[in-house]
Amino acid sequence: MNWWQAIILGMVQGLTEFLPVSSSGHLMIARELLGVDASNFLDFTVTVHLATVISTIIVFWSAIMQIIKGVFKFKYNDETDYFLKLCVSMIPVAVVGFFFKDKVEALFGETLTTVGICLLVTAALLLFATLYSPRKAGNHRNGIAWWQAFVVGIGQALAVAPGLSRSGTTIATGLVTGVKKDSMAQFSFLMVLVPILGEQFLSIVDVLQGEATMGLGALPLILGFLAAFASGLFACKVMIAIVRKAKFSWFALYCAVVGILVLILGR
């Protein structure tokens, strides 16, 4: 991997991590288009994912600190309620990650065919969330009920295949269950922080245990990190505005077109 490939791949990761189009799927597509060797790619993937996590923390720093301060007051306030609902939303993905990670990876694999099919599924989810009009949501604390937090968590747990958007699945699931747009925007991004960090930690452990290799030099990793971080800051802020307007039809069309092209050209 040379320097310009690292920058492009980093930008692809940063721009697509928070948009409902699947960052993992687009990273695979871009890797194939640029002719980057798939071997020794794990360290780069870990690096750019870490960059987008940091960009998310920066964008939501005020909200995160407010939640932390509220929790450490050690009383059941709005912040504690919100934190516990975030924890509930992480239960499904934790179960999948700890007990079924290898089986899930073996089931889907990292192929362009999988990416194409999952992009079409993402398109269907986004279109359904755009067209479906749920009954008026109840007046739940922090804008989301316990059961809604758990159902959204199930949506996140299902979004493990490359091409199935994590943000698209969680946001669409939340909107369909009746969570208001403003409430879903922040919740969907905060709920994925710990799982993404957990994934990166496990990837680093694999590298340290010799199950994956660190074959790239320092320059591609640094450039990829900076590109993913900068583009991630932009994409995260843009996605918040998009979620609040809930205009997902264009993203659904985009995912459908890309998915079809991948299936046709990727054979």
C-alpha atoms as a PDB file:
ATOM      1  CA  MET A   1       0.000   0.000   0.000  1.00  0.00           C
ATOM      2  CA  ASN A   2       1.434   3.387  -0.976  1.00  0.00           C
ATOM      3  CA  TRP A   3       0.702   6.798   0.564  1.00  0.00           C
ATOM      4  CA  TRP A   4      -2.114   7.919  -1.761  1.00  0.00           C
ATOM      5  CA  GLN A   5      -3.921   4.594  -1.428  1.00  0.00           C
ATOM      6  CA  ALA A   6      -3.780   4.968   2.357  1.00  0.00           C
ATOM      7  CA  ILE A   7      -5.295   8.461   2.151  1.00  0.00           C
ATOM      8  CA  ILE A   8      -8.111   7.358  -0.157  1.00  0.00           C
ATOM      9  CA  LEU A   9      -8.936   4.312   1.959  1.00  0.00           C
ATOM     10  CA  GLY A  10      -8.859   6.418   5.122  1.00  0.00           C
ATOM     11  CA  MET A  11     -11.267   8.928   3.596  1.00  0.00           C
ATOM     12  CA  VAL A  12     -13.565   6.113   2.471  1.00  0.00           C
ATOM     13  CA  GLN A  13     -13.647   4.741   6.013  1.00  0.00           C
ATOM     14  CA  GLY A  14     -14.232   8.129   7.615  1.00  0.00           C
ATOM     15  CA  LEU A  15     -16.961   9.251   5.229  1.00  0.00           C
ATOM     16  CA  THR A  16     -18.901   5.985   5.311  1.00  0.00           C
ATOM     17  CA  GLU A  17     -18.603   5.033   8.999  1.00  0.00           C
ATOM     18  CA  PHE A  18     -21.442   7.348  10.008  1.00  0.00           C
ATOM     19  CA  LEU A  19     -23.439   7.354   6.787  1.00  0.00           C
ATOM     20  CA  PRO A  20     -25.950   4.500   6.331  1.00  0.00           C
ATOM     21  CA  VAL A  21     -23.982   2.887   3.509  1.00  0.00           C
ATOM     22  CA  SER A  22     -21.612   0.464   5.337  1.00  0.00           C
ATOM     23  CA  SER A  23     -18.004   1.473   5.936  1.00  0.00           C
ATOM     24  CA  SER A  24     -16.748  -2.134   5.968  1.00  0.00           C
ATOM     25  CA  GLY A  25     -18.372  -2.836   2.619  1.00  0.00           C
ATOM     26  CA  HIS A  26     -17.015   0.322   1.019  1.00  0.00           C
ATOM     27  CA  LEU A  27     -13.561  -0.312   2.428  1.00  0.00           C
ATOM     28  CA  MET A  28     -13.566  -3.720   0.729  1.00  0.00           C
ATOM     29  CA  ILE A  29     -14.809  -2.252  -2.546  1.00  0.00           C
ATOM     30  CA  ALA A  30     -12.202   0.518  -2.476  1.00  0.00           C
ATOM     31  CA  ARG A  31      -9.462  -1.978  -1.632  1.00  0.00           C
ATOM     32  CA  GLU A  32     -10.366  -4.063  -4.656  1.00  0.00           C
ATOM     33  CA  LEU A  33     -10.626  -1.045  -6.966  1.00  0.00           C
ATOM     34  CA  LEU A  34      -7.241   0.279  -5.862  1.00  0.00           C
ATOM     35  CA  GLY A  35      -5.626  -3.126  -6.129  1.00  0.00           C
ATOM     36  CA  VAL A  36      -4.427  -3.149  -2.513  1.00  0.00           C
ATOM     37  CA  ASP A  37      -3.188  -6.491  -1.239  1.00  0.00           C
ATOM     38  CA  ALA A  38      -5.700  -8.018   1.171  1.00  0.00           C
ATOM     39  CA  SER A  39      -2.946  -9.592   3.253  1.00  0.00           C
ATOM     40  CA  ASN A  40      -1.652  -7.495   6.148  1.00  0.00           C
ATOM     41  CA  PHE A  41      -4.755  -5.296   5.821  1.00  0.00           C
ATOM     42  CA  LEU A  42      -6.042  -5.921   9.356  1.00  0.00           C
ATOM     43  CA  ASP A  43      -3.675  -3.416  10.955  1.00  0.00           C
ATOM     44  CA  PHE A  44      -4.834  -0.690   8.564  1.00  0.00           C
ATOM     45  CA  THR A  45      -8.499  -1.511   9.232  1.00  0.00           C
ATOM     46  CA  VAL A  46      -7.918  -1.331  12.990  1.00  0.00           C
ATOM     47  CA  THR A  47      -6.160   2.030  12.619  1.00  0.00           C
ATOM     48  CA  VAL A  48      -8.826   3.762  10.532  1.00  0.00           C
ATOM     49  CA  HIS A  49     -11.654   2.406  12.687  1.00  0.00           C
ATOM     50  CA  LEU A  50      -9.908   3.787  15.752  1.00  0.00           C
ATOM     51  CA  ALA A  51      -9.657   7.166  14.010  1.00  0.00           C
ATOM     52  CA  THR A  52     -13.408   7.306  13.401  1.00  0.00           C
ATOM     53  CA  VAL A  53     -14.140   6.301  16.987  1.00  0.00           C
ATOM     54  CA  ILE A  54     -12.008   9.207  18.205  1.00  0.00           C
ATOM     55  CA  SER A  55     -13.809  11.590  15.841  1.00  0.00           C
ATOM     56  CA  THR A  56     -17.147  10.408  17.268  1.00  0.00           C
ATOM     57  CA  ILE A  57     -15.962  11.009  20.821  1.00  0.00           C
ATOM     58  CA  ILE A  58     -14.898  14.549  19.887  1.00  0.00           C
ATOM     59  CA  VAL A  59     -18.236  15.363  18.225  1.00  0.00           C
ATOM     60  CA  PHE A  60     -20.212  14.016  21.198  1.00  0.00           C
ATOM     61  CA  TRP A  61     -17.741  15.074  23.895  1.00  0.00           C
ATOM     62  CA  SER A  62     -20.197  17.365  25.682  1.00  0.00           C
ATOM     63  CA  ALA A  63     -22.937  14.740  25.731  1.00  0.00           C
ATOM     64  CA  ILE A  64     -20.525  12.017  26.875  1.00  0.00           C
ATOM     65  CA  MET A  65     -19.168  14.143  29.728  1.00  0.00           C
ATOM     66  CA  GLN A  66     -22.679  15.085  30.805  1.00  0.00           C
ATOM     67  CA  ILE A  67     -23.655  11.407  30.962  1.00  0.00           C
ATOM     68  CA  ILE A  68     -20.514  10.487  32.915  1.00  0.00           C
ATOM     69  CA  LYS A  69     -21.009  13.308  35.418  1.00  0.00           C
ATOM     70  CA  GLY A  70     -24.646  12.336  35.894  1.00  0.00           C
ATOM     71  CA  VAL A  71     -23.824   8.665  36.439  1.00  0.00           C
ATOM     72  CA  PHE A  72     -21.244   9.495  39.091  1.00  0.00           C
ATOM     73  CA  LYS A  73     -23.807  11.398  41.098  1.00  0.00           C
ATOM     74  CA  PHE A  74     -24.947   7.877  42.034  1.00  0.00           C
ATOM     75  CA  LYS A  75     -28.651   8.544  41.763  1.00  0.00           C
ATOM     76  CA  TYR A  76     -31.258   7.636  39.182  1.00  0.00           C
ATOM     77  CA  ASN A  77     -31.343  10.783  37.085  1.00  0.00           C
ATOM     78  CA  ASP A  78     -31.768  11.335  33.348  1.00  0.00           C
ATOM     79  CA  GLU A  79     -28.097  10.643  32.684  1.00  0.00           C
ATOM     80  CA  THR A  80     -28.144   7.348  34.586  1.00  0.00           C
ATOM     81  CA  ASP A  81     -31.318   6.319  32.758  1.00  0.00           C
ATOM     82  CA  TYR A  82     -29.696   7.137  29.400  1.00  0.00           C
ATOM     83  CA  PHE A  83     -26.483   5.296  30.294  1.00  0.00           C
ATOM     84  CA  LEU A  84     -28.352   2.164  31.368  1.00  0.00           C
ATOM     85  CA  LYS A  85     -30.398   2.175  28.165  1.00  0.00           C
ATOM     86  CA  LEU A  86     -27.154   2.416  26.180  1.00  0.00           C
ATOM     87  CA  CYS A  87     -25.926  -0.628  28.115  1.00  0.00           C
ATOM     88  CA  VAL A  88     -29.143  -2.510  27.301  1.00  0.00           C
ATOM     89  CA  SER A  89     -28.670  -1.726  23.607  1.00  0.00           C
ATOM     90  CA  MET A  90     -25.192  -3.303  23.734  1.00  0.00           C
ATOM     91  CA  ILE A  91     -26.351  -6.656  25.131  1.00  0.00           C
ATOM     92  CA  PRO A  92     -27.254  -8.289  21.780  1.00  0.00           C
ATOM     93  CA  VAL A  93     -24.000  -7.330  20.041  1.00  0.00           C
ATOM     94  CA  ALA A  94     -21.999  -8.431  23.106  1.00  0.00           C
ATOM     95  CA  VAL A  95     -23.641 -11.862  22.969  1.00  0.00           C
ATOM     96  CA  VAL A  96     -22.900 -12.198  19.249  1.00  0.00           C
ATOM     97  CA  GLY A  97     -19.345 -10.913  19.652  1.00  0.00           C
ATOM     98  CA  PHE A  98     -18.379 -13.153  22.565  1.00  0.00           C
ATOM     99  CA  PHE A  99     -20.122 -16.371  21.605  1.00  0.00           C
ATOM    100  CA  PHE A 100     -20.733 -16.366  17.851  1.00  0.00           C
ATOM    101  CA  LYS A 101     -18.022 -14.136  16.341  1.00  0.00           C
ATOM    102  CA  ASP A 102     -16.133 -16.921  14.557  1.00  0.00           C
ATOM    103  CA  LYS A 103     -19.309 -18.588  13.309  1.00  0.00           C
ATOM    104  CA  VAL A 104     -20.679 -15.308  11.964  1.00  0.00           C
ATOM    105  CA  GLU A 105     -17.416 -14.496  10.181  1.00  0.00           C
ATOM    106  CA  ALA A 106     -17.329 -17.987   8.680  1.00  0.00           C
ATOM    107  CA  LEU A 107     -20.971 -17.680   7.590  1.00  0.00           C
ATOM    108  CA  PHE A 108     -20.628 -14.401   5.733  1.00  0.00           C
ATOM    109  CA  GLY A 109     -16.968 -14.217   4.794  1.00  0.00           C
ATOM    110  CA  GLU A 110     -15.344 -11.208   3.156  1.00  0.00           C
ATOM    111  CA  THR A 111     -16.386 -11.436  -0.467  1.00  0.00           C
ATOM    112  CA  LEU A 112     -17.744  -8.827  -2.862  1.00  0.00           C
ATOM    113  CA  THR A 113     -20.819 -10.980  -3.373  1.00  0.00           C
ATOM    114  CA  THR A 114     -21.603 -10.686   0.340  1.00  0.00           C
ATOM    115  CA  VAL A 115     -21.042  -6.931   0.175  1.00  0.00           C
ATOM    116  CA  GLY A 116     -23.403  -6.567  -2.785  1.00  0.00           C
ATOM    117  CA  ILE A 117     -26.203  -8.589  -1.198  1.00  0.00           C
ATOM    118  CA  CYS A 118     -25.889  -6.794   2.147  1.00  0.00           C
ATOM    119  CA  LEU A 119     -25.931  -3.387   0.462  1.00  0.00           C
ATOM    120  CA  LEU A 120     -29.261  -4.353  -1.107  1.00  0.00           C
ATOM    121  CA  VAL A 121     -30.532  -5.371   2.342  1.00  0.00           C
ATOM    122  CA  THR A 122     -29.357  -2.011   3.709  1.00  0.00           C
ATOM    123  CA  ALA A 123     -31.226  -0.246   0.902  1.00  0.00           C
ATOM    124  CA  ALA A 124     -34.409  -2.138   1.769  1.00  0.00           C
ATOM    125  CA  LEU A 125     -34.102  -1.237   5.460  1.00  0.00           C
ATOM    126  CA  LEU A 126     -33.547   2.451   4.717  1.00  0.00           C
ATOM    127  CA  LEU A 127     -36.460   2.572   2.290  1.00  0.00           C
ATOM    128  CA  PHE A 128     -38.741   0.845   4.778  1.00  0.00           C
ATOM    129  CA  ALA A 129     -37.750   3.333   7.502  1.00  0.00           C
ATOM    130  CA  THR A 130     -38.494   6.190   5.101  1.00  0.00           C
ATOM    131  CA  LEU A 131     -41.932   4.945   4.021  1.00  0.00           C
ATOM    132  CA  TYR A 132     -43.183   3.327   7.207  1.00  0.00           C
ATOM    133  CA  SER A 133     -45.171   5.574   9.551  1.00  0.00           C
ATOM    134  CA  PRO A 134     -45.341   4.068  13.056  1.00  0.00           C
ATOM    135  CA  ARG A 135     -47.945   4.960  15.588  1.00  0.00           C
ATOM    136  CA  LYS A 136     -47.191   7.973  17.747  1.00  0.00           C
ATOM    137  CA  ALA A 137     -44.432   7.128  20.216  1.00  0.00           C
ATOM    138  CA  GLY A 138     -45.046   7.262  23.931  1.00  0.00           C
ATOM    139  CA  ASN A 139     -43.536   9.870  26.211  1.00  0.00           C
ATOM    140  CA  HIS A 140     -40.507   7.866  27.330  1.00  0.00           C
ATOM    141  CA  ARG A 141     -37.689   9.206  29.443  1.00  0.00           C
ATOM    142  CA  ASN A 142     -34.851  10.463  27.233  1.00  0.00           C
ATOM    143  CA  GLY A 143     -37.047   9.804  24.206  1.00  0.00           C
ATOM    144  CA  ILE A 144     -36.510   6.041  24.113  1.00  0.00           C
ATOM    145  CA  ALA A 145     -38.061   3.121  26.001  1.00  0.00           C
ATOM    146  CA  TRP A 146     -36.157   0.170  27.429  1.00  0.00           C
ATOM    147  CA  TRP A 147     -37.635  -2.228  24.875  1.00  0.00           C
ATOM    148  CA  GLN A 148     -36.799   0.146  22.027  1.00  0.00           C
ATOM    149  CA  ALA A 149     -33.180   0.323  23.193  1.00  0.00           C
ATOM    150  CA  PHE A 150     -32.996  -3.478  23.196  1.00  0.00           C
ATOM    151  CA  VAL A 151     -34.603  -3.823  19.748  1.00  0.00           C
ATOM    152  CA  VAL A 152     -32.197  -1.259  18.309  1.00  0.00           C
ATOM    153  CA  GLY A 153     -29.415  -3.305  19.889  1.00  0.00           C
ATOM    154  CA  ILE A 154     -30.663  -6.380  18.052  1.00  0.00           C
ATOM    155  CA  GLY A 155     -30.454  -4.372  14.851  1.00  0.00           C
ATOM    156  CA  GLN A 156     -26.835  -3.547  15.623  1.00  0.00           C
ATOM    157  CA  ALA A 157     -26.042  -7.188  16.353  1.00  0.00           C
ATOM    158  CA  LEU A 158     -27.439  -8.211  12.973  1.00  0.00           C
ATOM    159  CA  ALA A 159     -25.300  -5.645  11.159  1.00  0.00           C
ATOM    160  CA  VAL A 160     -22.136  -7.754  11.291  1.00  0.00           C
ATOM    161  CA  ALA A 161     -21.776  -8.675   7.633  1.00  0.00           C
ATOM    162  CA  PRO A 162     -19.715  -6.418   5.338  1.00  0.00           C
ATOM    163  CA  GLY A 163     -22.147  -4.274   3.388  1.00  0.00           C
ATOM    164  CA  LEU A 164     -24.837  -4.175   6.082  1.00  0.00           C
ATOM    165  CA  SER A 165     -24.616  -0.688   7.533  1.00  0.00           C
ATOM    166  CA  ARG A 166     -24.358  -0.488  11.311  1.00  0.00           C
ATOM    167  CA  SER A 167     -25.592   3.097  11.531  1.00  0.00           C
ATOM    168  CA  GLY A 168     -28.255   2.518   8.887  1.00  0.00           C
ATOM    169  CA  THR A 169     -29.582  -0.581  10.624  1.00  0.00           C
ATOM    170  CA  THR A 170     -29.684   0.944  14.116  1.00  0.00           C
ATOM    171  CA  ILE A 171     -31.232   4.216  12.996  1.00  0.00           C
ATOM    172  CA  ALA A 172     -33.790   2.531  10.751  1.00  0.00           C
ATOM    173  CA  THR A 173     -34.719   0.100  13.539  1.00  0.00           C
ATOM    174  CA  GLY A 174     -35.156   2.951  15.984  1.00  0.00           C
ATOM    175  CA  LEU A 175     -37.338   4.991  13.661  1.00  0.00           C
ATOM    176  CA  VAL A 176     -39.513   2.003  12.792  1.00  0.00           C
ATOM    177  CA  THR A 177     -40.091   1.216  16.491  1.00  0.00           C
ATOM    178  CA  GLY A 178     -41.256   4.795  17.050  1.00  0.00           C
ATOM    179  CA  VAL A 179     -38.196   6.576  18.451  1.00  0.00           C
ATOM    180  CA  LYS A 180     -38.241  10.230  17.441  1.00  0.00           C
ATOM    181  CA  LYS A 181     -35.645  11.391  14.942  1.00  0.00           C
ATOM    182  CA  ASP A 182     -33.863  13.808  17.301  1.00  0.00           C
ATOM    183  CA  SER A 183     -33.578  11.174  20.027  1.00  0.00           C
ATOM    184  CA  MET A 184     -32.364   8.472  17.639  1.00  0.00           C
ATOM    185  CA  ALA A 185     -29.568  10.556  16.122  1.00  0.00           C
ATOM    186  CA  GLN A 186     -27.429  10.798  19.244  1.00  0.00           C
ATOM    187  CA  PHE A 187     -28.388   7.430  20.716  1.00  0.00           C
ATOM    188  CA  SER A 188     -27.441   5.497  17.565  1.00  0.00           C
ATOM    189  CA  PHE A 189     -23.930   6.946  17.485  1.00  0.00           C
ATOM    190  CA  LEU A 190     -23.209   6.638  21.197  1.00  0.00           C
ATOM    191  CA  MET A 191     -24.421   3.023  21.373  1.00  0.00           C
ATOM    192  CA  VAL A 192     -21.822   1.866  18.830  1.00  0.00           C
ATOM    193  CA  LEU A 193     -18.780   3.395  20.545  1.00  0.00           C
ATOM    194  CA  VAL A 194     -18.128   0.575  23.004  1.00  0.00           C
ATOM    195  CA  PRO A 195     -18.778  -2.261  20.479  1.00  0.00           C
ATOM    196  CA  ILE A 196     -16.468  -0.635  17.914  1.00  0.00           C
ATOM    197  CA  LEU A 197     -13.774  -0.132  20.551  1.00  0.00           C
ATOM    198  CA  GLY A 198     -14.269  -3.750  21.592  1.00  0.00           C
ATOM    199  CA  GLU A 199     -13.820  -4.928  18.006  1.00  0.00           C
ATOM    200  CA  GLN A 200     -10.612  -2.944  17.675  1.00  0.00           C
ATOM    201  CA  PHE A 201      -9.320  -4.294  20.983  1.00  0.00           C
ATOM    202  CA  LEU A 202      -9.950  -7.869  19.857  1.00  0.00           C
ATOM    203  CA  SER A 203      -8.206  -7.142  16.551  1.00  0.00           C
ATOM    204  CA  ILE A 204      -5.183  -5.774  18.391  1.00  0.00           C
ATOM    205  CA  VAL A 205      -5.164  -8.871  20.593  1.00  0.00           C
ATOM    206  CA  ASP A 206      -5.152 -11.045  17.459  1.00  0.00           C
ATOM    207  CA  VAL A 207      -2.137  -9.128  16.175  1.00  0.00           C
ATOM    208  CA  LEU A 208      -0.301  -9.461  19.480  1.00  0.00           C
ATOM    209  CA  GLN A 209      -1.047 -13.188  19.597  1.00  0.00           C
ATOM    210  CA  GLY A 210       0.292 -13.666  16.100  1.00  0.00           C
ATOM    211  CA  GLU A 211      -3.072 -14.527  14.545  1.00  0.00           C
ATOM    212  CA  ALA A 212      -2.760 -11.418  12.382  1.00  0.00           C
ATOM    213  CA  THR A 213       0.321  -9.634  11.122  1.00  0.00           C
ATOM    214  CA  MET A 214       1.511  -6.049  11.095  1.00  0.00           C
ATOM    215  CA  GLY A 215       2.889  -5.875   7.588  1.00  0.00           C
ATOM    216  CA  LEU A 216       2.352  -2.209   6.729  1.00  0.00           C
ATOM    217  CA  GLY A 217       4.829   0.562   7.365  1.00  0.00           C
ATOM    218  CA  ALA A 218       4.247   3.562   9.587  1.00  0.00           C
ATOM    219  CA  LEU A 219       3.487   6.059   6.782  1.00  0.00           C
ATOM    220  CA  PRO A 220       0.341   4.341   5.389  1.00  0.00           C
ATOM    221  CA  LEU A 221      -1.019   3.879   8.916  1.00  0.00           C
ATOM    222  CA  ILE A 222      -0.435   7.526   9.874  1.00  0.00           C
ATOM    223  CA  LEU A 223      -1.893   8.901   6.643  1.00  0.00           C
ATOM    224  CA  GLY A 224      -4.861   6.531   6.802  1.00  0.00           C
ATOM    225  CA  PHE A 225      -5.519   7.525  10.420  1.00  0.00           C
ATOM    226  CA  LEU A 226      -5.433  11.263   9.669  1.00  0.00           C
ATOM    227  CA  ALA A 227      -7.641  10.914   6.578  1.00  0.00           C
ATOM    228  CA  ALA A 228     -10.198   8.771   8.431  1.00  0.00           C
ATOM    229  CA  PHE A 229     -10.177  11.113  11.433  1.00  0.00           C
ATOM    230  CA  ALA A 230     -10.737  14.299   9.395  1.00  0.00           C
ATOM    231  CA  SER A 231     -13.382  12.827   7.108  1.00  0.00           C
ATOM    232  CA  GLY A 232     -15.007  11.120  10.106  1.00  0.00           C
ATOM    233  CA  LEU A 233     -15.466  14.451  11.890  1.00  0.00           C
ATOM    234  CA  PHE A 234     -17.203  15.827   8.811  1.00  0.00           C
ATOM    235  CA  ALA A 235     -19.373  12.767   8.188  1.00  0.00           C
ATOM    236  CA  CYS A 236     -20.487  12.446  11.808  1.00  0.00           C
ATOM    237  CA  LYS A 237     -21.757  16.034  11.922  1.00  0.00           C
ATOM    238  CA  VAL A 238     -23.447  15.678   8.546  1.00  0.00           C
ATOM    239  CA  MET A 239     -25.125  12.418   9.545  1.00  0.00           C
ATOM    240  CA  ILE A 240     -26.650  13.979  12.658  1.00  0.00           C
ATOM    241  CA  ALA A 241     -28.390  16.557  10.483  1.00  0.00           C
ATOM    242  CA  ILE A 242     -29.521  13.879   8.026  1.00  0.00           C
ATOM    243  CA  VAL A 243     -31.001  11.676  10.747  1.00  0.00           C
ATOM    244  CA  ARG A 244     -32.965  14.579  12.165  1.00  0.00           C
ATOM    245  CA  LYS A 245     -34.524  15.133   8.751  1.00  0.00           C
ATOM    246  CA  ALA A 246     -34.815  11.351   8.143  1.00  0.00           C
ATOM    247  CA  LYS A 247     -34.288  11.699   4.391  1.00  0.00           C
ATOM    248  CA  PHE A 248     -33.047   8.160   3.764  1.00  0.00           C
ATOM    249  CA  SER A 249     -34.489   7.566   0.308  1.00  0.00           C
ATOM    250  CA  TRP A 250     -31.375   8.833  -1.491  1.00  0.00           C
ATOM    251  CA  PHE A 251     -29.124   6.614   0.615  1.00  0.00           C
ATOM    252  CA  ALA A 252     -31.404   3.662  -0.118  1.00  0.00           C
ATOM    253  CA  LEU A 253     -31.099   4.357  -3.840  1.00  0.00           C
ATOM    254  CA  TYR A 254     -27.332   4.712  -3.569  1.00  0.00           C
ATOM    255  CA  CYS A 255     -26.938   1.410  -1.689  1.00  0.00           C
ATOM    256  CA  ALA A 256     -29.177  -0.361  -4.189  1.00  0.00           C
ATOM    257  CA  VAL A 257     -27.214   0.925  -7.195  1.00  0.00           C
ATOM    258  CA  VAL A 258     -23.822   0.120  -5.658  1.00  0.00           C
ATOM    259  CA  GLY A 259     -25.028  -3.298  -4.511  1.00  0.00           C
ATOM    260  CA  ILE A 260     -26.251  -4.205  -7.982  1.00  0.00           C
ATOM    261  CA  LEU A 261     -23.038  -2.962  -9.610  1.00  0.00           C
ATOM    262  CA  VAL A 262     -20.927  -4.974  -7.159  1.00  0.00           C
ATOM    263  CA  LEU A 263     -22.914  -8.133  -7.875  1.00  0.00           C
ATOM    264  CA  ILE A 264     -22.639  -7.615 -11.626  1.00  0.00           C
ATOM    265  CA  LEU A 265     -19.028  -6.466 -11.907  1.00  0.00           C
ATOM    266  CA  GLY A 266     -17.646  -8.444  -8.962  1.00  0.00           C
ATOM    267  CA  ARG A 267     -18.200 -11.842 -10.578  1.00  0.00           C
END
